[in-house]
Amino acid sequence: KVARQLREKTDCARVCVGVWGYEVPHAHIHLVPTNFMA
């Protein structure tokens, strides 16, 4: 739901997803608006 909101509101090509799991001891998902592989 949030990724769709981000894509629409930021007009990005894709929202990339990351789950690292070490930086905070609480499960979480990173959503990053992107336009290019770089």
ModelCIF file with pLDDT and N, C-alpha, C, O atoms, coordinates in Angstrom:
data_MODEL
#
_entry.id   MODEL 
#
_entity.id                         1 
_entity.type                       polymer 
_entity.pdbx_number_of_molecules   1 
#
_entity_poly.entity_id                      1 
_entity_poly.type                           'polypeptide(L)' 
_entity_poly.nstd_linkage                   no 
_entity_poly.nstd_monomer                   no 
_entity_poly.pdbx_seq_one_letter_code       KVARQLREKTDCARVCVGVWGYEVPHAHIHLVPTNFMA 
_entity_poly.pdbx_seq_one_letter_code_can   KVARQLREKTDCARVCVGVWGYEVPHAHIHLVPTNFMA 
_entity_poly.pdbx_strand_id                 A 
#
loop_
_entity_poly_seq.entity_id 
_entity_poly_seq.num 
_entity_poly_seq.mon_id 
_entity_poly_seq.hetero 
1 1  LYS n 
1 2  VAL n 
1 3  ALA n 
1 4  ARG n 
1 5  GLN n 
1 6  LEU n 
1 7  ARG n 
1 8  GLU n 
1 9  LYS n 
1 10 THR n 
1 11 ASP n 
1 12 CYS n 
1 13 ALA n 
1 14 ARG n 
1 15 VAL n 
1 16 CYS n 
1 17 VAL n 
1 18 GLY n 
1 19 VAL n 
1 20 TRP n 
1 21 GLY n 
1 22 TYR n 
1 23 GLU n 
1 24 VAL n 
1 25 PRO n 
1 26 HIS n 
1 27 ALA n 
1 28 HIS n 
1 29 ILE n 
1 30 HIS n 
1 31 LEU n 
1 32 VAL n 
1 33 PRO n 
1 34 THR n 
1 35 ASN n 
1 36 PHE n 
1 37 MET n 
1 38 ALA n 
#
_struct_asym.id          A 
_struct_asym.entity_id   1 
#
loop_
_ma_qa_metric.id 
_ma_qa_metric.mode 
_ma_qa_metric.name 
_ma_qa_metric.software_group_id 
_ma_qa_metric.type 
1 global pLDDT . pLDDT 
2 local  pLDDT . pLDDT 
#
_ma_qa_metric_global.metric_id      1 
_ma_qa_metric_global.metric_value   94.74 
_ma_qa_metric_global.model_id       1 
_ma_qa_metric_global.ordinal_id     1 
#
loop_
_ma_qa_metric_local.label_asym_id 
_ma_qa_metric_local.label_comp_id 
_ma_qa_metric_local.label_seq_id 
_ma_qa_metric_local.metric_id 
_ma_qa_metric_local.metric_value 
_ma_qa_metric_local.model_id 
_ma_qa_metric_local.ordinal_id 
A LYS 1  2 98.00 1 1  
A VAL 2  2 98.00 1 2  
A ALA 3  2 98.00 1 3  
A ARG 4  2 98.00 1 4  
A GLN 5  2 98.00 1 5  
A LEU 6  2 98.00 1 6  
A ARG 7  2 97.00 1 7  
A GLU 8  2 97.00 1 8  
A LYS 9  2 97.00 1 9  
A THR 10 2 96.00 1 10 
A ASP 11 2 95.00 1 11 
A CYS 12 2 97.00 1 12 
A ALA 13 2 97.00 1 13 
A ARG 14 2 97.00 1 14 
A VAL 15 2 97.00 1 15 
A CYS 16 2 96.00 1 16 
A VAL 17 2 96.00 1 17 
A GLY 18 2 94.00 1 18 
A VAL 19 2 94.00 1 19 
A TRP 20 2 88.00 1 20 
A GLY 21 2 80.00 1 21 
A TYR 22 2 87.00 1 22 
A GLU 23 2 87.00 1 23 
A VAL 24 2 93.00 1 24 
A PRO 25 2 94.00 1 25 
A HIS 26 2 96.00 1 26 
A ALA 27 2 96.00 1 27 
A HIS 28 2 97.00 1 28 
A ILE 29 2 97.00 1 29 
A HIS 30 2 97.00 1 30 
A LEU 31 2 97.00 1 31 
A VAL 32 2 97.00 1 32 
A PRO 33 2 97.00 1 33 
A THR 34 2 97.00 1 34 
A ASN 35 2 96.00 1 35 
A PHE 36 2 92.00 1 36 
A MET 37 2 88.00 1 37 
A ALA 38 2 86.00 1 38 
#
loop_
_atom_site.group_PDB 
_atom_site.id 
_atom_site.type_symbol 
_atom_site.label_atom_id 
_atom_site.label_alt_id 
_atom_site.label_comp_id 
_atom_site.label_asym_id 
_atom_site.label_entity_id 
_atom_site.label_seq_id 
_atom_site.pdbx_PDB_ins_code 
_atom_site.Cartn_x 
_atom_site.Cartn_y 
_atom_site.Cartn_z 
_atom_site.occupancy 
_atom_site.B_iso_or_equiv 
_atom_site.pdbx_formal_charge 
_atom_site.auth_seq_id 
_atom_site.auth_comp_id 
_atom_site.auth_asym_id 
_atom_site.auth_atom_id 
_atom_site.pdbx_PDB_model_num 
ATOM 1   N N  . LYS A 1 1  ? 0.834  -1.203 0.000   1.00 98.00 ? 1  LYS A N  1 
ATOM 2   C CA . LYS A 1 1  ? 0.000  0.000  0.000   1.00 98.00 ? 1  LYS A CA 1 
ATOM 3   C C  . LYS A 1 1  ? 0.869  1.254  0.000   1.00 98.00 ? 1  LYS A C  1 
ATOM 4   O O  . LYS A 1 1  ? 0.621  2.193  -0.756  1.00 98.00 ? 1  LYS A O  1 
ATOM 5   N N  . VAL A 1 2  ? 1.877  1.257  0.847   1.00 98.00 ? 2  VAL A N  1 
ATOM 6   C CA . VAL A 1 2  ? 2.744  2.422  0.956   1.00 98.00 ? 2  VAL A CA 1 
ATOM 7   C C  . VAL A 1 2  ? 3.570  2.593  -0.316  1.00 98.00 ? 2  VAL A C  1 
ATOM 8   O O  . VAL A 1 2  ? 3.770  3.719  -0.773  1.00 98.00 ? 2  VAL A O  1 
ATOM 9   N N  . ALA A 1 3  ? 4.051  1.496  -0.892  1.00 98.00 ? 3  ALA A N  1 
ATOM 10  C CA . ALA A 1 3  ? 4.826  1.577  -2.136  1.00 98.00 ? 3  ALA A CA 1 
ATOM 11  C C  . ALA A 1 3  ? 3.999  2.188  -3.259  1.00 98.00 ? 3  ALA A C  1 
ATOM 12  O O  . ALA A 1 3  ? 4.507  2.989  -4.044  1.00 98.00 ? 3  ALA A O  1 
ATOM 13  N N  . ARG A 1 4  ? 2.738  1.814  -3.335  1.00 98.00 ? 4  ARG A N  1 
ATOM 14  C CA . ARG A 1 4  ? 1.856  2.398  -4.364  1.00 98.00 ? 4  ARG A CA 1 
ATOM 15  C C  . ARG A 1 4  ? 1.692  3.896  -4.124  1.00 98.00 ? 4  ARG A C  1 
ATOM 16  O O  . ARG A 1 4  ? 1.720  4.688  -5.065  1.00 98.00 ? 4  ARG A O  1 
ATOM 17  N N  . GLN A 1 5  ? 1.524  4.271  -2.887  1.00 98.00 ? 5  GLN A N  1 
ATOM 18  C CA . GLN A 1 5  ? 1.396  5.684  -2.526  1.00 98.00 ? 5  GLN A CA 1 
ATOM 19  C C  . GLN A 1 5  ? 2.685  6.428  -2.901  1.00 98.00 ? 5  GLN A C  1 
ATOM 20  O O  . GLN A 1 5  ? 2.622  7.516  -3.474  1.00 98.00 ? 5  GLN A O  1 
ATOM 21  N N  . LEU A 1 6  ? 3.836  5.860  -2.587  1.00 98.00 ? 6  LEU A N  1 
ATOM 22  C CA . LEU A 1 6  ? 5.112  6.497  -2.913  1.00 98.00 ? 6  LEU A CA 1 
ATOM 23  C C  . LEU A 1 6  ? 5.288  6.657  -4.419  1.00 98.00 ? 6  LEU A C  1 
ATOM 24  O O  . LEU A 1 6  ? 5.702  7.714  -4.897  1.00 98.00 ? 6  LEU A O  1 
ATOM 25  N N  . ARG A 1 7  ? 4.973  5.608  -5.155  1.00 97.00 ? 7  ARG A N  1 
ATOM 26  C CA . ARG A 1 7  ? 5.151  5.660  -6.610  1.00 97.00 ? 7  ARG A CA 1 
ATOM 27  C C  . ARG A 1 7  ? 4.274  6.747  -7.222  1.00 97.00 ? 7  ARG A C  1 
ATOM 28  O O  . ARG A 1 7  ? 4.713  7.501  -8.090  1.00 97.00 ? 7  ARG A O  1 
ATOM 29  N N  . GLU A 1 8  ? 3.036  6.815  -6.761  1.00 97.00 ? 8  GLU A N  1 
ATOM 30  C CA . GLU A 1 8  ? 2.107  7.815  -7.283  1.00 97.00 ? 8  GLU A CA 1 
ATOM 31  C C  . GLU A 1 8  ? 2.536  9.230  -6.904  1.00 97.00 ? 8  GLU A C  1 
ATOM 32  O O  . GLU A 1 8  ? 2.548  10.121 -7.752  1.00 97.00 ? 8  GLU A O  1 
ATOM 33  N N  . LYS A 1 9  ? 2.886  9.439  -5.649  1.00 97.00 ? 9  LYS A N  1 
ATOM 34  C CA . LYS A 1 9  ? 3.164  10.790 -5.155  1.00 97.00 ? 9  LYS A CA 1 
ATOM 35  C C  . LYS A 1 9  ? 4.550  11.298 -5.546  1.00 97.00 ? 9  LYS A C  1 
ATOM 36  O O  . LYS A 1 9  ? 4.741  12.506 -5.680  1.00 97.00 ? 9  LYS A O  1 
ATOM 37  N N  . THR A 1 10 ? 5.532  10.392 -5.735  1.00 96.00 ? 10 THR A N  1 
ATOM 38  C CA . THR A 1 10 ? 6.877  10.835 -6.112  1.00 96.00 ? 10 THR A CA 1 
ATOM 39  C C  . THR A 1 10 ? 7.100  10.732 -7.608  1.00 96.00 ? 10 THR A C  1 
ATOM 40  O O  . THR A 1 10 ? 8.115  11.208 -8.115  1.00 96.00 ? 10 THR A O  1 
ATOM 41  N N  . ASP A 1 11 ? 6.170  10.119 -8.322  1.00 95.00 ? 11 ASP A N  1 
ATOM 42  C CA . ASP A 1 11 ? 6.273  9.932  -9.762  1.00 95.00 ? 11 ASP A CA 1 
ATOM 43  C C  . ASP A 1 11 ? 7.561  9.205  -10.143 1.00 95.00 ? 11 ASP A C  1 
ATOM 44  O O  . ASP A 1 11 ? 8.186  9.526  -11.154 1.00 95.00 ? 11 ASP A O  1 
ATOM 45  N N  . CYS A 1 12 ? 7.952  8.230  -9.336  1.00 97.00 ? 12 CYS A N  1 
ATOM 46  C CA . CYS A 1 12 ? 9.152  7.455  -9.627  1.00 97.00 ? 12 CYS A CA 1 
ATOM 47  C C  . CYS A 1 12 ? 8.799  6.273  -10.534 1.00 97.00 ? 12 CYS A C  1 
ATOM 48  O O  . CYS A 1 12 ? 7.629  5.918  -10.678 1.00 97.00 ? 12 CYS A O  1 
ATOM 49  N N  . ALA A 1 13 ? 9.806  5.679  -11.133 1.00 97.00 ? 13 ALA A N  1 
ATOM 50  C CA . ALA A 1 13 ? 9.588  4.534  -12.009 1.00 97.00 ? 13 ALA A CA 1 
ATOM 51  C C  . ALA A 1 13 ? 9.278  3.271  -11.196 1.00 97.00 ? 13 ALA A C  1 
ATOM 52  O O  . ALA A 1 13 ? 8.394  2.494  -11.557 1.00 97.00 ? 13 ALA A O  1 
ATOM 53  N N  . ARG A 1 14 ? 10.006 3.079  -10.112 1.00 97.00 ? 14 ARG A N  1 
ATOM 54  C CA . ARG A 1 14 ? 9.821  1.910  -9.253  1.00 97.00 ? 14 ARG A CA 1 
ATOM 55  C C  . ARG A 1 14 ? 10.134 2.264  -7.812  1.00 97.00 ? 14 ARG A C  1 
ATOM 56  O O  . ARG A 1 14 ? 10.848 3.225  -7.524  1.00 97.00 ? 14 ARG A O  1 
ATOM 57  N N  . VAL A 1 15 ? 9.586  1.468  -6.923  1.00 97.00 ? 15 VAL A N  1 
ATOM 58  C CA . VAL A 1 15 ? 9.949  1.562  -5.515  1.00 97.00 ? 15 VAL A CA 1 
ATOM 59  C C  . VAL A 1 15 ? 10.714 0.287  -5.186  1.00 97.00 ? 15 VAL A C  1 
ATOM 60  O O  . VAL A 1 15 ? 10.173 -0.817 -5.252  1.00 97.00 ? 15 VAL A O  1 
ATOM 61  N N  . CYS A 1 16 ? 11.981 0.460  -4.833  1.00 96.00 ? 16 CYS A N  1 
ATOM 62  C CA . CYS A 1 16 ? 12.807 -0.695 -4.476  1.00 96.00 ? 16 CYS A CA 1 
ATOM 63  C C  . CYS A 1 16 ? 12.600 -1.036 -3.006  1.00 96.00 ? 16 CYS A C  1 
ATOM 64  O O  . CYS A 1 16 ? 12.219 -0.189 -2.199  1.00 96.00 ? 16 CYS A O  1 
ATOM 65  N N  . VAL A 1 17 ? 12.860 -2.295 -2.684  1.00 96.00 ? 17 VAL A N  1 
ATOM 66  C CA . VAL A 1 17 ? 12.605 -2.818 -1.345  1.00 96.00 ? 17 VAL A CA 1 
ATOM 67  C C  . VAL A 1 17 ? 13.891 -3.374 -0.756  1.00 96.00 ? 17 VAL A C  1 
ATOM 68  O O  . VAL A 1 17 ? 14.665 -4.039 -1.444  1.00 96.00 ? 17 VAL A O  1 
ATOM 69  N N  . GLY A 1 18 ? 14.110 -3.098 0.521   1.00 94.00 ? 18 GLY A N  1 
ATOM 70  C CA . GLY A 1 18 ? 15.261 -3.658 1.218   1.00 94.00 ? 18 GLY A CA 1 
ATOM 71  C C  . GLY A 1 18 ? 14.880 -4.075 2.617   1.00 94.00 ? 18 GLY A C  1 
ATOM 72  O O  . GLY A 1 18 ? 14.098 -3.406 3.294   1.00 94.00 ? 18 GLY A O  1 
ATOM 73  N N  . VAL A 1 19 ? 15.444 -5.190 3.042   1.00 94.00 ? 19 VAL A N  1 
ATOM 74  C CA . VAL A 1 19 ? 15.288 -5.656 4.423   1.00 94.00 ? 19 VAL A CA 1 
ATOM 75  C C  . VAL A 1 19 ? 16.674 -6.091 4.882   1.00 94.00 ? 19 VAL A C  1 
ATOM 76  O O  . VAL A 1 19 ? 17.181 -7.126 4.452   1.00 94.00 ? 19 VAL A O  1 
ATOM 77  N N  . TRP A 1 20 ? 17.286 -5.293 5.760   1.00 88.00 ? 20 TRP A N  1 
ATOM 78  C CA . TRP A 1 20 ? 18.612 -5.633 6.257   1.00 88.00 ? 20 TRP A CA 1 
ATOM 79  C C  . TRP A 1 20 ? 18.515 -6.349 7.586   1.00 88.00 ? 20 TRP A C  1 
ATOM 80  O O  . TRP A 1 20 ? 19.062 -7.440 7.746   1.00 88.00 ? 20 TRP A O  1 
ATOM 81  N N  . GLY A 1 21 ? 17.833 -5.757 8.528   1.00 80.00 ? 21 GLY A N  1 
ATOM 82  C CA . GLY A 1 21 ? 17.549 -6.439 9.777   1.00 80.00 ? 21 GLY A CA 1 
ATOM 83  C C  . GLY A 1 21 ? 18.554 -6.292 10.893  1.00 80.00 ? 21 GLY A C  1 
ATOM 84  O O  . GLY A 1 21 ? 18.438 -6.976 11.910  1.00 80.00 ? 21 GLY A O  1 
ATOM 85  N N  . TYR A 1 22 ? 19.535 -5.424 10.741  1.00 87.00 ? 22 TYR A N  1 
ATOM 86  C CA . TYR A 1 22 ? 20.514 -5.257 11.812  1.00 87.00 ? 22 TYR A CA 1 
ATOM 87  C C  . TYR A 1 22 ? 20.483 -3.887 12.474  1.00 87.00 ? 22 TYR A C  1 
ATOM 88  O O  . TYR A 1 22 ? 20.779 -3.769 13.664  1.00 87.00 ? 22 TYR A O  1 
ATOM 89  N N  . GLU A 1 23 ? 20.132 -2.857 11.727  1.00 87.00 ? 23 GLU A N  1 
ATOM 90  C CA . GLU A 1 23 ? 20.307 -1.505 12.233  1.00 87.00 ? 23 GLU A CA 1 
ATOM 91  C C  . GLU A 1 23 ? 19.376 -1.136 13.388  1.00 87.00 ? 23 GLU A C  1 
ATOM 92  O O  . GLU A 1 23 ? 19.747 -0.314 14.226  1.00 87.00 ? 23 GLU A O  1 
ATOM 93  N N  . VAL A 1 24 ? 18.193 -1.713 13.454  1.00 93.00 ? 24 VAL A N  1 
ATOM 94  C CA . VAL A 1 24 ? 17.260 -1.481 14.561  1.00 93.00 ? 24 VAL A CA 1 
ATOM 95  C C  . VAL A 1 24 ? 16.644 -2.840 14.905  1.00 93.00 ? 24 VAL A C  1 
ATOM 96  O O  . VAL A 1 24 ? 16.192 -3.546 14.004  1.00 93.00 ? 24 VAL A O  1 
ATOM 97  N N  . PRO A 1 25 ? 16.616 -3.224 16.189  1.00 94.00 ? 25 PRO A N  1 
ATOM 98  C CA . PRO A 1 25 ? 16.055 -4.523 16.558  1.00 94.00 ? 25 PRO A CA 1 
ATOM 99  C C  . PRO A 1 25 ? 14.528 -4.531 16.547  1.00 94.00 ? 25 PRO A C  1 
ATOM 100 O O  . PRO A 1 25 ? 13.884 -4.798 17.562  1.00 94.00 ? 25 PRO A O  1 
ATOM 101 N N  . HIS A 1 26 ? 13.972 -4.236 15.393  1.00 96.00 ? 26 HIS A N  1 
ATOM 102 C CA . HIS A 1 26 ? 12.518 -4.184 15.208  1.00 96.00 ? 26 HIS A CA 1 
ATOM 103 C C  . HIS A 1 26 ? 12.299 -4.412 13.719  1.00 96.00 ? 26 HIS A C  1 
ATOM 104 O O  . HIS A 1 26 ? 12.796 -3.639 12.900  1.00 96.00 ? 26 HIS A O  1 
ATOM 105 N N  . ALA A 1 27 ? 11.576 -5.444 13.360  1.00 96.00 ? 27 ALA A N  1 
ATOM 106 C CA . ALA A 1 27 ? 11.357 -5.779 11.949  1.00 96.00 ? 27 ALA A CA 1 
ATOM 107 C C  . ALA A 1 27 ? 10.876 -4.556 11.183  1.00 96.00 ? 27 ALA A C  1 
ATOM 108 O O  . ALA A 1 27 ? 10.027 -3.801 11.657  1.00 96.00 ? 27 ALA A O  1 
ATOM 109 N N  . HIS A 1 28 ? 11.434 -4.372 9.988   1.00 97.00 ? 28 HIS A N  1 
ATOM 110 C CA . HIS A 1 28 ? 11.013 -3.240 9.163   1.00 97.00 ? 28 HIS A CA 1 
ATOM 111 C C  . HIS A 1 28 ? 11.430 -3.447 7.719   1.00 97.00 ? 28 HIS A C  1 
ATOM 112 O O  . HIS A 1 28 ? 12.358 -4.197 7.415   1.00 97.00 ? 28 HIS A O  1 
ATOM 113 N N  . ILE A 1 29 ? 10.715 -2.760 6.840   1.00 97.00 ? 29 ILE A N  1 
ATOM 114 C CA . ILE A 1 29 ? 10.959 -2.826 5.405   1.00 97.00 ? 29 ILE A CA 1 
ATOM 115 C C  . ILE A 1 29 ? 11.300 -1.424 4.920   1.00 97.00 ? 29 ILE A C  1 
ATOM 116 O O  . ILE A 1 29 ? 10.602 -0.460 5.235   1.00 97.00 ? 29 ILE A O  1 
ATOM 117 N N  . HIS A 1 30 ? 12.387 -1.319 4.145   1.00 97.00 ? 30 HIS A N  1 
ATOM 118 C CA . HIS A 1 30 ? 12.764 -0.058 3.513   1.00 97.00 ? 30 HIS A CA 1 
ATOM 119 C C  . HIS A 1 30 ? 12.107 0.018  2.139   1.00 97.00 ? 30 HIS A C  1 
ATOM 120 O O  . HIS A 1 30 ? 12.177 -0.940 1.369   1.00 97.00 ? 30 HIS A O  1 
ATOM 121 N N  . LEU A 1 31 ? 11.480 1.125  1.825   1.00 97.00 ? 31 LEU A N  1 
ATOM 122 C CA . LEU A 1 31 ? 10.927 1.401  0.499   1.00 97.00 ? 31 LEU A CA 1 
ATOM 123 C C  . LEU A 1 31 ? 11.623 2.650  -0.036  1.00 97.00 ? 31 LEU A C  1 
ATOM 124 O O  . LEU A 1 31 ? 11.599 3.704  0.599   1.00 97.00 ? 31 LEU A O  1 
ATOM 125 N N  . VAL A 1 32 ? 12.246 2.519  -1.216  1.00 97.00 ? 32 VAL A N  1 
ATOM 126 C CA . VAL A 1 32 ? 13.028 3.624  -1.761  1.00 97.00 ? 32 VAL A CA 1 
ATOM 127 C C  . VAL A 1 32 ? 12.558 3.936  -3.181  1.00 97.00 ? 32 VAL A C  1 
ATOM 128 O O  . VAL A 1 32 ? 12.705 3.102  -4.074  1.00 97.00 ? 32 VAL A O  1 
ATOM 129 N N  . PRO A 1 33 ? 11.996 5.126  -3.400  1.00 97.00 ? 33 PRO A N  1 
ATOM 130 C CA . PRO A 1 33 ? 11.611 5.515  -4.755  1.00 97.00 ? 33 PRO A CA 1 
ATOM 131 C C  . PRO A 1 33 ? 12.856 5.622  -5.650  1.00 97.00 ? 33 PRO A C  1 
ATOM 132 O O  . PRO A 1 33 ? 13.864 6.204  -5.251  1.00 97.00 ? 33 PRO A O  1 
ATOM 133 N N  . THR A 1 34 ? 12.776 5.059  -6.855  1.00 97.00 ? 34 THR A N  1 
ATOM 134 C CA . THR A 1 34 ? 13.904 5.081  -7.789  1.00 97.00 ? 34 THR A CA 1 
ATOM 135 C C  . THR A 1 34 ? 13.404 5.339  -9.207  1.00 97.00 ? 34 THR A C  1 
ATOM 136 O O  . THR A 1 34 ? 12.232 5.140  -9.525  1.00 97.00 ? 34 THR A O  1 
ATOM 137 N N  . ASN A 1 35 ? 14.326 5.783  -10.040 1.00 96.00 ? 35 ASN A N  1 
ATOM 138 C CA . ASN A 1 35 ? 14.027 5.982  -11.455 1.00 96.00 ? 35 ASN A CA 1 
ATOM 139 C C  . ASN A 1 35 ? 14.982 5.213  -12.360 1.00 96.00 ? 35 ASN A C  1 
ATOM 140 O O  . ASN A 1 35 ? 14.683 4.980  -13.531 1.00 96.00 ? 35 ASN A O  1 
ATOM 141 N N  . PHE A 1 36 ? 16.130 4.822  -11.818 1.00 92.00 ? 36 PHE A N  1 
ATOM 142 C CA . PHE A 1 36 ? 17.143 4.117  -12.598 1.00 92.00 ? 36 PHE A CA 1 
ATOM 143 C C  . PHE A 1 36 ? 17.808 3.070  -11.719 1.00 92.00 ? 36 PHE A C  1 
ATOM 144 O O  . PHE A 1 36 ? 17.770 3.177  -10.494 1.00 92.00 ? 36 PHE A O  1 
ATOM 145 N N  . MET A 1 37 ? 18.409 2.072  -12.321 1.00 88.00 ? 37 MET A N  1 
ATOM 146 C CA . MET A 1 37 ? 19.119 1.032  -11.585 1.00 88.00 ? 37 MET A CA 1 
ATOM 147 C C  . MET A 1 37 ? 20.199 1.650  -10.691 1.00 88.00 ? 37 MET A C  1 
ATOM 148 O O  . MET A 1 37 ? 20.447 1.164  -9.587  1.00 88.00 ? 37 MET A O  1 
ATOM 149 N N  . ALA A 1 38 ? 20.831 2.707  -11.163 1.00 86.00 ? 38 ALA A N  1 
ATOM 150 C CA . ALA A 1 38 ? 21.886 3.350  -10.385 1.00 86.00 ? 38 ALA A CA 1 
ATOM 151 C C  . ALA A 1 38 ? 21.374 3.977  -9.089  1.00 86.00 ? 38 ALA A C  1 
ATOM 152 O O  . ALA A 1 38 ? 22.154 4.554  -8.332  1.00 86.00 ? 38 ALA A O  1 
#
